[in-house]
mmCIF file of all heavy atoms, coordinates in Angstrom:
data_MODEL
# 
_entry.id   MODEL 
# 
loop_
_atom_site.group_PDB 
_atom_site.id 
_atom_site.type_symbol 
_atom_site.label_atom_id 
_atom_site.label_alt_id 
_atom_site.label_comp_id 
_atom_site.label_asym_id 
_atom_site.label_entity_id 
_atom_site.label_seq_id 
_atom_site.pdbx_PDB_ins_code 
_atom_site.Cartn_x 
_atom_site.Cartn_y 
_atom_site.Cartn_z 
_atom_site.occupancy 
_atom_site.B_iso_or_equiv 
_atom_site.pdbx_formal_charge 
_atom_site.auth_seq_id 
_atom_site.auth_comp_id 
_atom_site.auth_asym_id 
_atom_site.auth_atom_id 
_atom_site.pdbx_PDB_model_num 
ATOM 1   N N   . ILE A 1 1  ? 24.671 -0.382  -16.094 1.00 0.00 ? 1  ILE A N   1 
ATOM 2   C CA  . ILE A 1 1  ? 23.482 -0.018  -15.332 1.00 0.00 ? 1  ILE A CA  1 
ATOM 3   C C   . ILE A 1 1  ? 23.789 0.072   -13.844 1.00 0.00 ? 1  ILE A C   1 
ATOM 4   O O   . ILE A 1 1  ? 22.868 0.145   -13.025 1.00 0.00 ? 1  ILE A O   1 
ATOM 5   C CB  . ILE A 1 1  ? 22.342 -1.026  -15.561 1.00 0.00 ? 1  ILE A CB  1 
ATOM 6   C CG1 . ILE A 1 1  ? 22.790 -2.442  -15.206 1.00 0.00 ? 1  ILE A CG1 1 
ATOM 7   C CG2 . ILE A 1 1  ? 21.847 -0.950  -16.994 1.00 0.00 ? 1  ILE A CG2 1 
ATOM 8   C CD1 . ILE A 1 1  ? 21.668 -3.460  -15.242 1.00 0.00 ? 1  ILE A CD1 1 
ATOM 9   N N   . PHE A 1 2  ? 25.064 0.069   -13.497 1.00 0.00 ? 2  PHE A N   1 
ATOM 10  C CA  . PHE A 1 2  ? 25.437 0.000   -12.099 1.00 0.00 ? 2  PHE A CA  1 
ATOM 11  C C   . PHE A 1 2  ? 25.961 1.296   -11.496 1.00 0.00 ? 2  PHE A C   1 
ATOM 12  O O   . PHE A 1 2  ? 26.026 1.412   -10.270 1.00 0.00 ? 2  PHE A O   1 
ATOM 13  C CB  . PHE A 1 2  ? 26.478 -1.109  -11.897 1.00 0.00 ? 2  PHE A CB  1 
ATOM 14  C CG  . PHE A 1 2  ? 25.923 -2.489  -12.094 1.00 0.00 ? 2  PHE A CG  1 
ATOM 15  C CD1 . PHE A 1 2  ? 26.156 -3.182  -13.271 1.00 0.00 ? 2  PHE A CD1 1 
ATOM 16  C CD2 . PHE A 1 2  ? 25.164 -3.086  -11.110 1.00 0.00 ? 2  PHE A CD2 1 
ATOM 17  C CE1 . PHE A 1 2  ? 25.640 -4.442  -13.462 1.00 0.00 ? 2  PHE A CE1 1 
ATOM 18  C CE2 . PHE A 1 2  ? 24.640 -4.352  -11.287 1.00 0.00 ? 2  PHE A CE2 1 
ATOM 19  C CZ  . PHE A 1 2  ? 24.877 -5.035  -12.470 1.00 0.00 ? 2  PHE A CZ  1 
ATOM 20  N N   . ARG A 1 3  ? 26.342 2.256   -12.303 1.00 0.00 ? 3  ARG A N   1 
ATOM 21  C CA  . ARG A 1 3  ? 26.858 3.498   -11.749 1.00 0.00 ? 3  ARG A CA  1 
ATOM 22  C C   . ARG A 1 3  ? 25.717 4.429   -11.362 1.00 0.00 ? 3  ARG A C   1 
ATOM 23  O O   . ARG A 1 3  ? 24.906 4.816   -12.199 1.00 0.00 ? 3  ARG A O   1 
ATOM 24  C CB  . ARG A 1 3  ? 27.802 4.194   -12.724 1.00 0.00 ? 3  ARG A CB  1 
ATOM 25  C CG  . ARG A 1 3  ? 28.571 5.328   -12.055 1.00 0.00 ? 3  ARG A CG  1 
ATOM 26  C CD  . ARG A 1 3  ? 29.665 5.883   -12.920 1.00 0.00 ? 3  ARG A CD  1 
ATOM 27  N NE  . ARG A 1 3  ? 29.159 6.828   -13.906 1.00 0.00 ? 3  ARG A NE  1 
ATOM 28  C CZ  . ARG A 1 3  ? 29.925 7.597   -14.658 1.00 0.00 ? 3  ARG A CZ  1 
ATOM 29  N NH1 . ARG A 1 3  ? 31.249 7.523   -14.542 1.00 0.00 ? 3  ARG A NH1 1 
ATOM 30  N NH2 . ARG A 1 3  ? 29.373 8.422   -15.536 1.00 0.00 ? 3  ARG A NH2 1 
ATOM 31  N N   . ARG A 1 4  ? 25.684 4.779   -10.100 1.00 0.00 ? 4  ARG A N   1 
ATOM 32  C CA  . ARG A 1 4  ? 24.689 5.702   -9.558  1.00 0.00 ? 4  ARG A CA  1 
ATOM 33  C C   . ARG A 1 4  ? 23.278 5.295   -9.979  1.00 0.00 ? 4  ARG A C   1 
ATOM 34  O O   . ARG A 1 4  ? 22.486 6.118   -10.436 1.00 0.00 ? 4  ARG A O   1 
ATOM 35  C CB  . ARG A 1 4  ? 24.988 7.133   -10.007 1.00 0.00 ? 4  ARG A CB  1 
ATOM 36  C CG  . ARG A 1 4  ? 26.353 7.644   -9.570  1.00 0.00 ? 4  ARG A CG  1 
ATOM 37  C CD  . ARG A 1 4  ? 26.650 9.019   -10.148 1.00 0.00 ? 4  ARG A CD  1 
ATOM 38  N NE  . ARG A 1 4  ? 25.736 10.035  -9.653  1.00 0.00 ? 4  ARG A NE  1 
ATOM 39  C CZ  . ARG A 1 4  ? 25.864 10.660  -8.492  1.00 0.00 ? 4  ARG A CZ  1 
ATOM 40  N NH1 . ARG A 1 4  ? 26.889 10.362  -7.680  1.00 0.00 ? 4  ARG A NH1 1 
ATOM 41  N NH2 . ARG A 1 4  ? 24.989 11.570  -8.120  1.00 0.00 ? 4  ARG A NH2 1 
ATOM 42  N N   . SER A 1 5  ? 22.983 4.007   -9.821  1.00 0.00 ? 5  SER A N   1 
ATOM 43  C CA  . SER A 1 5  ? 21.704 3.507   -10.284 1.00 0.00 ? 5  SER A CA  1 
ATOM 44  C C   . SER A 1 5  ? 21.057 2.564   -9.278  1.00 0.00 ? 5  SER A C   1 
ATOM 45  O O   . SER A 1 5  ? 21.686 2.064   -8.345  1.00 0.00 ? 5  SER A O   1 
ATOM 46  C CB  . SER A 1 5  ? 21.853 2.797   -11.634 1.00 0.00 ? 5  SER A CB  1 
ATOM 47  O OG  . SER A 1 5  ? 22.640 1.625   -11.501 1.00 0.00 ? 5  SER A OG  1 
ATOM 48  N N   . PHE A 1 6  ? 19.798 2.346   -9.512  1.00 0.00 ? 6  PHE A N   1 
ATOM 49  C CA  . PHE A 1 6  ? 18.964 1.437   -8.756  1.00 0.00 ? 6  PHE A CA  1 
ATOM 50  C C   . PHE A 1 6  ? 18.432 0.424   -9.764  1.00 0.00 ? 6  PHE A C   1 
ATOM 51  O O   . PHE A 1 6  ? 17.836 0.797   -10.778 1.00 0.00 ? 6  PHE A O   1 
ATOM 52  C CB  . PHE A 1 6  ? 17.815 2.229   -8.114  1.00 0.00 ? 6  PHE A CB  1 
ATOM 53  C CG  . PHE A 1 6  ? 16.704 1.426   -7.522  1.00 0.00 ? 6  PHE A CG  1 
ATOM 54  C CD1 . PHE A 1 6  ? 16.633 1.224   -6.143  1.00 0.00 ? 6  PHE A CD1 1 
ATOM 55  C CD2 . PHE A 1 6  ? 15.696 0.912   -8.318  1.00 0.00 ? 6  PHE A CD2 1 
ATOM 56  C CE1 . PHE A 1 6  ? 15.583 0.513   -5.578  1.00 0.00 ? 6  PHE A CE1 1 
ATOM 57  C CE2 . PHE A 1 6  ? 14.646 0.197   -7.765  1.00 0.00 ? 6  PHE A CE2 1 
ATOM 58  C CZ  . PHE A 1 6  ? 14.597 0.001   -6.393  1.00 0.00 ? 6  PHE A CZ  1 
ATOM 59  N N   . VAL A 1 7  ? 18.667 -0.844  -9.514  1.00 0.00 ? 7  VAL A N   1 
ATOM 60  C CA  . VAL A 1 7  ? 18.169 -1.900  -10.391 1.00 0.00 ? 7  VAL A CA  1 
ATOM 61  C C   . VAL A 1 7  ? 17.207 -2.765  -9.599  1.00 0.00 ? 7  VAL A C   1 
ATOM 62  O O   . VAL A 1 7  ? 17.538 -3.219  -8.499  1.00 0.00 ? 7  VAL A O   1 
ATOM 63  C CB  . VAL A 1 7  ? 19.309 -2.758  -10.962 1.00 0.00 ? 7  VAL A CB  1 
ATOM 64  C CG1 . VAL A 1 7  ? 18.746 -3.855  -11.857 1.00 0.00 ? 7  VAL A CG1 1 
ATOM 65  C CG2 . VAL A 1 7  ? 20.282 -1.890  -11.749 1.00 0.00 ? 7  VAL A CG2 1 
ATOM 66  N N   . GLY A 1 8  ? 16.040 -2.976  -10.149 1.00 0.00 ? 8  GLY A N   1 
ATOM 67  C CA  . GLY A 1 8  ? 15.042 -3.738  -9.439  1.00 0.00 ? 8  GLY A CA  1 
ATOM 68  C C   . GLY A 1 8  ? 14.343 -4.756  -10.311 1.00 0.00 ? 8  GLY A C   1 
ATOM 69  O O   . GLY A 1 8  ? 14.256 -4.610  -11.527 1.00 0.00 ? 8  GLY A O   1 
ATOM 70  N N   . TRP A 1 9  ? 13.859 -5.798  -9.649  1.00 0.00 ? 9  TRP A N   1 
ATOM 71  C CA  . TRP A 1 9  ? 12.983 -6.767  -10.274 1.00 0.00 ? 9  TRP A CA  1 
ATOM 72  C C   . TRP A 1 9  ? 11.561 -6.493  -9.802  1.00 0.00 ? 9  TRP A C   1 
ATOM 73  O O   . TRP A 1 9  ? 11.304 -6.408  -8.589  1.00 0.00 ? 9  TRP A O   1 
ATOM 74  C CB  . TRP A 1 9  ? 13.378 -8.195  -9.915  1.00 0.00 ? 9  TRP A CB  1 
ATOM 75  C CG  . TRP A 1 9  ? 14.567 -8.714  -10.664 1.00 0.00 ? 9  TRP A CG  1 
ATOM 76  C CD1 . TRP A 1 9  ? 15.849 -8.758  -10.246 1.00 0.00 ? 9  TRP A CD1 1 
ATOM 77  C CD2 . TRP A 1 9  ? 14.547 -9.279  -11.979 1.00 0.00 ? 9  TRP A CD2 1 
ATOM 78  N NE1 . TRP A 1 9  ? 16.657 -9.318  -11.210 1.00 0.00 ? 9  TRP A NE1 1 
ATOM 79  C CE2 . TRP A 1 9  ? 15.879 -9.648  -12.287 1.00 0.00 ? 9  TRP A CE2 1 
ATOM 80  C CE3 . TRP A 1 9  ? 13.554 -9.519  -12.928 1.00 0.00 ? 9  TRP A CE3 1 
ATOM 81  C CZ2 . TRP A 1 9  ? 16.236 -10.235 -13.499 1.00 0.00 ? 9  TRP A CZ2 1 
ATOM 82  C CZ3 . TRP A 1 9  ? 13.904 -10.102 -14.133 1.00 0.00 ? 9  TRP A CZ3 1 
ATOM 83  C CH2 . TRP A 1 9  ? 15.227 -10.452 -14.407 1.00 0.00 ? 9  TRP A CH2 1 
ATOM 84  N N   . TYR A 1 10 ? 10.667 -6.353  -10.750 1.00 0.00 ? 10 TYR A N   1 
ATOM 85  C CA  . TYR A 1 10 ? 9.254  -6.165  -10.481 1.00 0.00 ? 10 TYR A CA  1 
ATOM 86  C C   . TYR A 1 10 ? 8.482  -7.355  -11.034 1.00 0.00 ? 10 TYR A C   1 
ATOM 87  O O   . TYR A 1 10 ? 8.982  -8.087  -11.889 1.00 0.00 ? 10 TYR A O   1 
ATOM 88  C CB  . TYR A 1 10 ? 8.734  -4.893  -11.146 1.00 0.00 ? 10 TYR A CB  1 
ATOM 89  C CG  . TYR A 1 10 ? 9.283  -3.595  -10.587 1.00 0.00 ? 10 TYR A CG  1 
ATOM 90  C CD1 . TYR A 1 10 ? 10.584 -3.183  -10.871 1.00 0.00 ? 10 TYR A CD1 1 
ATOM 91  C CD2 . TYR A 1 10 ? 8.487  -2.772  -9.796  1.00 0.00 ? 10 TYR A CD2 1 
ATOM 92  C CE1 . TYR A 1 10 ? 11.081 -1.993  -10.376 1.00 0.00 ? 10 TYR A CE1 1 
ATOM 93  C CE2 . TYR A 1 10 ? 8.972  -1.578  -9.299  1.00 0.00 ? 10 TYR A CE2 1 
ATOM 94  C CZ  . TYR A 1 10 ? 10.274 -1.189  -9.593  1.00 0.00 ? 10 TYR A CZ  1 
ATOM 95  O OH  . TYR A 1 10 ? 10.759 -0.002  -9.098  1.00 0.00 ? 10 TYR A OH  1 
ATOM 96  N N   . ARG A 1 11 ? 7.278  -7.520  -10.557 1.00 0.00 ? 11 ARG A N   1 
ATOM 97  C CA  . ARG A 1 11 ? 6.422  -8.550  -11.131 1.00 0.00 ? 11 ARG A CA  1 
ATOM 98  C C   . ARG A 1 11 ? 4.986  -8.051  -11.204 1.00 0.00 ? 11 ARG A C   1 
ATOM 99  O O   . ARG A 1 11 ? 4.565  -7.199  -10.427 1.00 0.00 ? 11 ARG A O   1 
ATOM 100 C CB  . ARG A 1 11 ? 6.489  -9.852  -10.331 1.00 0.00 ? 11 ARG A CB  1 
ATOM 101 C CG  . ARG A 1 11 ? 5.896  -9.787  -8.936  1.00 0.00 ? 11 ARG A CG  1 
ATOM 102 C CD  . ARG A 1 11 ? 6.144  -11.098 -8.203  1.00 0.00 ? 11 ARG A CD  1 
ATOM 103 N NE  . ARG A 1 11 ? 5.579  -11.097 -6.863  1.00 0.00 ? 11 ARG A NE  1 
ATOM 104 C CZ  . ARG A 1 11 ? 5.782  -12.049 -5.959  1.00 0.00 ? 11 ARG A CZ  1 
ATOM 105 N NH1 . ARG A 1 11 ? 6.547  -13.098 -6.263  1.00 0.00 ? 11 ARG A NH1 1 
ATOM 106 N NH2 . ARG A 1 11 ? 5.218  -11.966 -4.760  1.00 0.00 ? 11 ARG A NH2 1 
ATOM 107 N N   . GLN A 1 12 ? 4.260  -8.609  -12.152 1.00 0.00 ? 12 GLN A N   1 
ATOM 108 C CA  . GLN A 1 12 ? 2.865  -8.247  -12.326 1.00 0.00 ? 12 GLN A CA  1 
ATOM 109 C C   . GLN A 1 12 ? 2.068  -9.492  -12.680 1.00 0.00 ? 12 GLN A C   1 
ATOM 110 O O   . GLN A 1 12 ? 2.319  -10.133 -13.699 1.00 0.00 ? 12 GLN A O   1 
ATOM 111 C CB  . GLN A 1 12 ? 2.699  -7.189  -13.412 1.00 0.00 ? 12 GLN A CB  1 
ATOM 112 C CG  . GLN A 1 12 ? 1.285  -6.659  -13.544 1.00 0.00 ? 12 GLN A CG  1 
ATOM 113 C CD  . GLN A 1 12 ? 1.208  -5.400  -14.377 1.00 0.00 ? 12 GLN A CD  1 
ATOM 114 O OE1 . GLN A 1 12 ? 2.047  -5.161  -15.242 1.00 0.00 ? 12 GLN A OE1 1 
ATOM 115 N NE2 . GLN A 1 12 ? 0.205  -4.580  -14.115 1.00 0.00 ? 12 GLN A NE2 1 
ATOM 116 N N   . ALA A 1 13 ? 1.125  -9.823  -11.825 1.00 0.00 ? 13 ALA A N   1 
ATOM 117 C CA  . ALA A 1 13 ? 0.232  -10.943 -12.056 1.00 0.00 ? 13 ALA A CA  1 
ATOM 118 C C   . ALA A 1 13 ? -1.040 -10.431 -12.718 1.00 0.00 ? 13 ALA A C   1 
ATOM 119 O O   . ALA A 1 13 ? -1.384 -9.253  -12.591 1.00 0.00 ? 13 ALA A O   1 
ATOM 120 C CB  . ALA A 1 13 ? -0.092 -11.642 -10.742 1.00 0.00 ? 13 ALA A CB  1 
ATOM 121 N N   . PRO A 1 14 ? -1.763 -11.300 -13.426 1.00 0.00 ? 14 PRO A N   1 
ATOM 122 C CA  . PRO A 1 14 ? -3.006 -10.870 -14.081 1.00 0.00 ? 14 PRO A CA  1 
ATOM 123 C C   . PRO A 1 14 ? -3.969 -10.223 -13.094 1.00 0.00 ? 14 PRO A C   1 
ATOM 124 O O   . PRO A 1 14 ? -4.238 -10.770 -12.029 1.00 0.00 ? 14 PRO A O   1 
ATOM 125 C CB  . PRO A 1 14 ? -3.574 -12.173 -14.642 1.00 0.00 ? 14 PRO A CB  1 
ATOM 126 C CG  . PRO A 1 14 ? -2.375 -13.031 -14.864 1.00 0.00 ? 14 PRO A CG  1 
ATOM 127 C CD  . PRO A 1 14 ? -1.462 -12.716 -13.716 1.00 0.00 ? 14 PRO A CD  1 
ATOM 128 N N   . GLY A 1 15 ? -4.478 -9.056  -13.456 1.00 0.00 ? 15 GLY A N   1 
ATOM 129 C CA  . GLY A 1 15 ? -5.437 -8.362  -12.620 1.00 0.00 ? 15 GLY A CA  1 
ATOM 130 C C   . GLY A 1 15 ? -4.847 -7.633  -11.433 1.00 0.00 ? 15 GLY A C   1 
ATOM 131 O O   . GLY A 1 15 ? -5.596 -7.069  -10.634 1.00 0.00 ? 15 GLY A O   1 
ATOM 132 N N   . LYS A 1 16 ? -3.527 -7.644  -11.305 1.00 0.00 ? 16 LYS A N   1 
ATOM 133 C CA  . LYS A 1 16 ? -2.885 -6.980  -10.183 1.00 0.00 ? 16 LYS A CA  1 
ATOM 134 C C   . LYS A 1 16 ? -1.908 -5.923  -10.669 1.00 0.00 ? 16 LYS A C   1 
ATOM 135 O O   . LYS A 1 16 ? -1.455 -5.953  -11.810 1.00 0.00 ? 16 LYS A O   1 
ATOM 136 C CB  . LYS A 1 16 ? -2.152 -7.998  -9.307  1.00 0.00 ? 16 LYS A CB  1 
ATOM 137 C CG  . LYS A 1 16 ? -3.058 -9.034  -8.656  1.00 0.00 ? 16 LYS A CG  1 
ATOM 138 C CD  . LYS A 1 16 ? -2.270 -9.946  -7.738  1.00 0.00 ? 16 LYS A CD  1 
ATOM 139 C CE  . LYS A 1 16 ? -3.175 -10.951 -7.049  1.00 0.00 ? 16 LYS A CE  1 
ATOM 140 N NZ  . LYS A 1 16 ? -2.403 -11.845 -6.144  1.00 0.00 ? 16 LYS A NZ  1 
ATOM 141 N N   . GLN A 1 17 ? -1.583 -4.992  -9.788  1.00 0.00 ? 17 GLN A N   1 
ATOM 142 C CA  . GLN A 1 17 ? -0.637 -3.950  -10.143 1.00 0.00 ? 17 GLN A CA  1 
ATOM 143 C C   . GLN A 1 17 ? 0.790  -4.459  -10.043 1.00 0.00 ? 17 GLN A C   1 
ATOM 144 O O   . GLN A 1 17 ? 1.079  -5.426  -9.335  1.00 0.00 ? 17 GLN A O   1 
ATOM 145 C CB  . GLN A 1 17 ? -0.829 -2.726  -9.245  1.00 0.00 ? 17 GLN A CB  1 
ATOM 146 C CG  . GLN A 1 17 ? -0.591 -2.971  -7.770  1.00 0.00 ? 17 GLN A CG  1 
ATOM 147 C CD  . GLN A 1 17 ? -0.880 -1.749  -6.917  1.00 0.00 ? 17 GLN A CD  1 
ATOM 148 O OE1 . GLN A 1 17 ? -0.934 -0.624  -7.422  1.00 0.00 ? 17 GLN A OE1 1 
ATOM 149 N NE2 . GLN A 1 17 ? -1.065 -1.943  -5.629  1.00 0.00 ? 17 GLN A NE2 1 
ATOM 150 N N   . ARG A 1 18 ? 1.678  -3.806  -10.755 1.00 0.00 ? 18 ARG A N   1 
ATOM 151 C CA  . ARG A 1 18 ? 3.073  -4.180  -10.725 1.00 0.00 ? 18 ARG A CA  1 
ATOM 152 C C   . ARG A 1 18 ? 3.678  -3.842  -9.363  1.00 0.00 ? 18 ARG A C   1 
ATOM 153 O O   . ARG A 1 18 ? 3.424  -2.769  -8.811  1.00 0.00 ? 18 ARG A O   1 
ATOM 154 C CB  . ARG A 1 18 ? 3.833  -3.448  -11.837 1.00 0.00 ? 18 ARG A CB  1 
ATOM 155 C CG  . ARG A 1 18 ? 5.262  -3.898  -12.019 1.00 0.00 ? 18 ARG A CG  1 
ATOM 156 C CD  . ARG A 1 18 ? 5.880  -3.258  -13.271 1.00 0.00 ? 18 ARG A CD  1 
ATOM 157 N NE  . ARG A 1 18 ? 5.164  -3.649  -14.479 1.00 0.00 ? 18 ARG A NE  1 
ATOM 158 C CZ  . ARG A 1 18 ? 5.535  -3.300  -15.704 1.00 0.00 ? 18 ARG A CZ  1 
ATOM 159 N NH1 . ARG A 1 18 ? 6.624  -2.561  -15.889 1.00 0.00 ? 18 ARG A NH1 1 
ATOM 160 N NH2 . ARG A 1 18 ? 4.819  -3.692  -16.750 1.00 0.00 ? 18 ARG A NH2 1 
ATOM 161 N N   . GLU A 1 19 ? 4.469  -4.760  -8.828  1.00 0.00 ? 19 GLU A N   1 
ATOM 162 C CA  . GLU A 1 19 ? 5.071  -4.558  -7.526  1.00 0.00 ? 19 GLU A CA  1 
ATOM 163 C C   . GLU A 1 19 ? 6.566  -4.804  -7.567  1.00 0.00 ? 19 GLU A C   1 
ATOM 164 O O   . GLU A 1 19 ? 7.059  -5.636  -8.327  1.00 0.00 ? 19 GLU A O   1 
ATOM 165 C CB  . GLU A 1 19 ? 4.427  -5.483  -6.481  1.00 0.00 ? 19 GLU A CB  1 
ATOM 166 C CG  . GLU A 1 19 ? 4.628  -6.963  -6.757  1.00 0.00 ? 19 GLU A CG  1 
ATOM 167 C CD  . GLU A 1 19 ? 4.099  -7.856  -5.649  1.00 0.00 ? 19 GLU A CD  1 
ATOM 168 O OE1 . GLU A 1 19 ? 3.910  -7.371  -4.512  1.00 0.00 ? 19 GLU A OE1 1 
ATOM 169 O OE2 . GLU A 1 19 ? 3.870  -9.057  -5.914  1.00 0.00 ? 19 GLU A OE2 1 
ATOM 170 N N   . LEU A 1 20 ? 7.282  -4.088  -6.730  1.00 0.00 ? 20 LEU A N   1 
ATOM 171 C CA  . LEU A 1 20 ? 8.723  -4.274  -6.607  1.00 0.00 ? 20 LEU A CA  1 
ATOM 172 C C   . LEU A 1 20 ? 8.997  -5.506  -5.766  1.00 0.00 ? 20 LEU A C   1 
ATOM 173 O O   . LEU A 1 20 ? 8.496  -5.629  -4.647  1.00 0.00 ? 20 LEU A O   1 
ATOM 174 C CB  . LEU A 1 20 ? 9.367  -3.043  -5.974  1.00 0.00 ? 20 LEU A CB  1 
ATOM 175 C CG  . LEU A 1 20 ? 10.876 -3.102  -5.728  1.00 0.00 ? 20 LEU A CG  1 
ATOM 176 C CD1 . LEU A 1 20 ? 11.631 -3.222  -7.050  1.00 0.00 ? 20 LEU A CD1 1 
ATOM 177 C CD2 . LEU A 1 20 ? 11.344 -1.873  -4.960  1.00 0.00 ? 20 LEU A CD2 1 
ATOM 178 N N   . VAL A 1 21 ? 9.811  -6.404  -6.291  1.00 0.00 ? 21 VAL A N   1 
ATOM 179 C CA  . VAL A 1 21 ? 10.133 -7.652  -5.614  1.00 0.00 ? 21 VAL A CA  1 
ATOM 180 C C   . VAL A 1 21 ? 11.479 -7.570  -4.913  1.00 0.00 ? 21 VAL A C   1 
ATOM 181 O O   . VAL A 1 21 ? 11.616 -7.958  -3.755  1.00 0.00 ? 21 VAL A O   1 
ATOM 182 C CB  . VAL A 1 21 ? 10.131 -8.833  -6.610  1.00 0.00 ? 21 VAL A CB  1 
ATOM 183 C CG1 . VAL A 1 21 ? 10.585 -10.116 -5.924  1.00 0.00 ? 21 VAL A CG1 1 
ATOM 184 C CG2 . VAL A 1 21 ? 8.743  -9.003  -7.213  1.00 0.00 ? 21 VAL A CG2 1 
ATOM 185 N N   . ALA A 1 22 ? 12.491 -7.087  -5.623  1.00 0.00 ? 22 ALA A N   1 
ATOM 186 C CA  . ALA A 1 22 ? 13.836 -7.002  -5.080  1.00 0.00 ? 22 ALA A CA  1 
ATOM 187 C C   . ALA A 1 22 ? 14.588 -5.889  -5.776  1.00 0.00 ? 22 ALA A C   1 
ATOM 188 O O   . ALA A 1 22 ? 14.320 -5.579  -6.937  1.00 0.00 ? 22 ALA A O   1 
ATOM 189 C CB  . ALA A 1 22 ? 14.574 -8.329  -5.249  1.00 0.00 ? 22 ALA A CB  1 
ATOM 190 N N   . ALA A 1 23 ? 15.544 -5.294  -5.073  1.00 0.00 ? 23 ALA A N   1 
ATOM 191 C CA  . ALA A 1 23 ? 16.310 -4.191  -5.639  1.00 0.00 ? 23 ALA A CA  1 
ATOM 192 C C   . ALA A 1 23 ? 17.754 -4.251  -5.180  1.00 0.00 ? 23 ALA A C   1 
ATOM 193 O O   . ALA A 1 23 ? 18.058 -4.781  -4.112  1.00 0.00 ? 23 ALA A O   1 
ATOM 194 C CB  . ALA A 1 23 ? 15.691 -2.852  -5.233  1.00 0.00 ? 23 ALA A CB  1 
ATOM 195 N N   . ILE A 1 24 ? 18.627 -3.698  -5.997  1.00 0.00 ? 24 ILE A N   1 
ATOM 196 C CA  . ILE A 1 24 ? 20.040 -3.633  -5.670  1.00 0.00 ? 24 ILE A CA  1 
ATOM 197 C C   . ILE A 1 24 ? 20.601 -2.318  -6.194  1.00 0.00 ? 24 ILE A C   1 
ATOM 198 O O   . ILE A 1 24 ? 20.211 -1.844  -7.258  1.00 0.00 ? 24 ILE A O   1 
ATOM 199 C CB  . ILE A 1 24 ? 20.809 -4.840  -6.263  1.00 0.00 ? 24 ILE A CB  1 
ATOM 200 C CG1 . ILE A 1 24 ? 22.253 -4.868  -5.757  1.00 0.00 ? 24 ILE A CG1 1 
ATOM 201 C CG2 . ILE A 1 24 ? 20.754 -4.829  -7.786  1.00 0.00 ? 24 ILE A CG2 1 
ATOM 202 C CD1 . ILE A 1 24 ? 22.986 -6.171  -6.090  1.00 0.00 ? 24 ILE A CD1 1 
ATOM 203 N N   . THR A 1 25 ? 21.500 -1.715  -5.429  1.00 0.00 ? 25 THR A N   1 
ATOM 204 C CA  . THR A 1 25 ? 22.154 -0.488  -5.856  1.00 0.00 ? 25 THR A CA  1 
ATOM 205 C C   . THR A 1 25 ? 23.552 -0.805  -6.353  1.00 0.00 ? 25 THR A C   1 
ATOM 206 O O   . THR A 1 25 ? 24.067 -1.907  -6.168  1.00 0.00 ? 25 THR A O   1 
ATOM 207 C CB  . THR A 1 25 ? 22.255 0.527   -4.712  1.00 0.00 ? 25 THR A CB  1 
ATOM 208 O OG1 . THR A 1 25 ? 23.181 0.046   -3.729  1.00 0.00 ? 25 THR A OG1 1 
ATOM 209 C CG2 . THR A 1 25 ? 20.898 0.741   -4.051  1.00 0.00 ? 25 THR A CG2 1 
ATOM 210 N N   . SER A 1 26 ? 24.183 0.181   -6.990  1.00 0.00 ? 26 SER A N   1 
ATOM 211 C CA  . SER A 1 26 ? 25.542 -0.012  -7.473  1.00 0.00 ? 26 SER A CA  1 
ATOM 212 C C   . SER A 1 26 ? 26.513 -0.275  -6.335  1.00 0.00 ? 26 SER A C   1 
ATOM 213 O O   . SER A 1 26 ? 27.578 -0.855  -6.550  1.00 0.00 ? 26 SER A O   1 
ATOM 214 C CB  . SER A 1 26 ? 26.004 1.204   -8.283  1.00 0.00 ? 26 SER A CB  1 
ATOM 215 O OG  . SER A 1 26 ? 25.923 2.391   -7.508  1.00 0.00 ? 26 SER A OG  1 
ATOM 216 N N   . GLY A 1 27 ? 26.141 0.145   -5.131  1.00 0.00 ? 27 GLY A N   1 
ATOM 217 C CA  . GLY A 1 27 ? 26.966 -0.103  -3.969  1.00 0.00 ? 27 GLY A CA  1 
ATOM 218 C C   . GLY A 1 27 ? 26.773 -1.477  -3.360  1.00 0.00 ? 27 GLY A C   1 
ATOM 219 O O   . GLY A 1 27 ? 27.481 -1.836  -2.416  1.00 0.00 ? 27 GLY A O   1 
ATOM 220 N N   . GLY A 1 28 ? 25.819 -2.232  -3.885  1.00 0.00 ? 28 GLY A N   1 
ATOM 221 C CA  . GLY A 1 28 ? 25.608 -3.585  -3.424  1.00 0.00 ? 28 GLY A CA  1 
ATOM 222 C C   . GLY A 1 28 ? 24.518 -3.756  -2.388  1.00 0.00 ? 28 GLY A C   1 
ATOM 223 O O   . GLY A 1 28 ? 24.253 -4.884  -1.954  1.00 0.00 ? 28 GLY A O   1 
ATOM 224 N N   . SER A 1 29 ? 23.877 -2.669  -1.982  1.00 0.00 ? 29 SER A N   1 
ATOM 225 C CA  . SER A 1 29 ? 22.785 -2.780  -1.025  1.00 0.00 ? 29 SER A CA  1 
ATOM 226 C C   . SER A 1 29 ? 21.585 -3.449  -1.672  1.00 0.00 ? 29 SER A C   1 
ATOM 227 O O   . SER A 1 29 ? 21.283 -3.197  -2.838  1.00 0.00 ? 29 SER A O   1 
ATOM 228 C CB  . SER A 1 29 ? 22.389 -1.401  -0.500  1.00 0.00 ? 29 SER A CB  1 
ATOM 229 O OG  . SER A 1 29 ? 23.468 -0.786  0.178   1.00 0.00 ? 29 SER A OG  1 
# 
């Protein structure tokens, strides 16, 4: 999942929309 990809952690609380919490690219950013 690391080649030319974006990997992220999202979270969703009850009654709320899903939000991006943290992200990392294959380059380590």
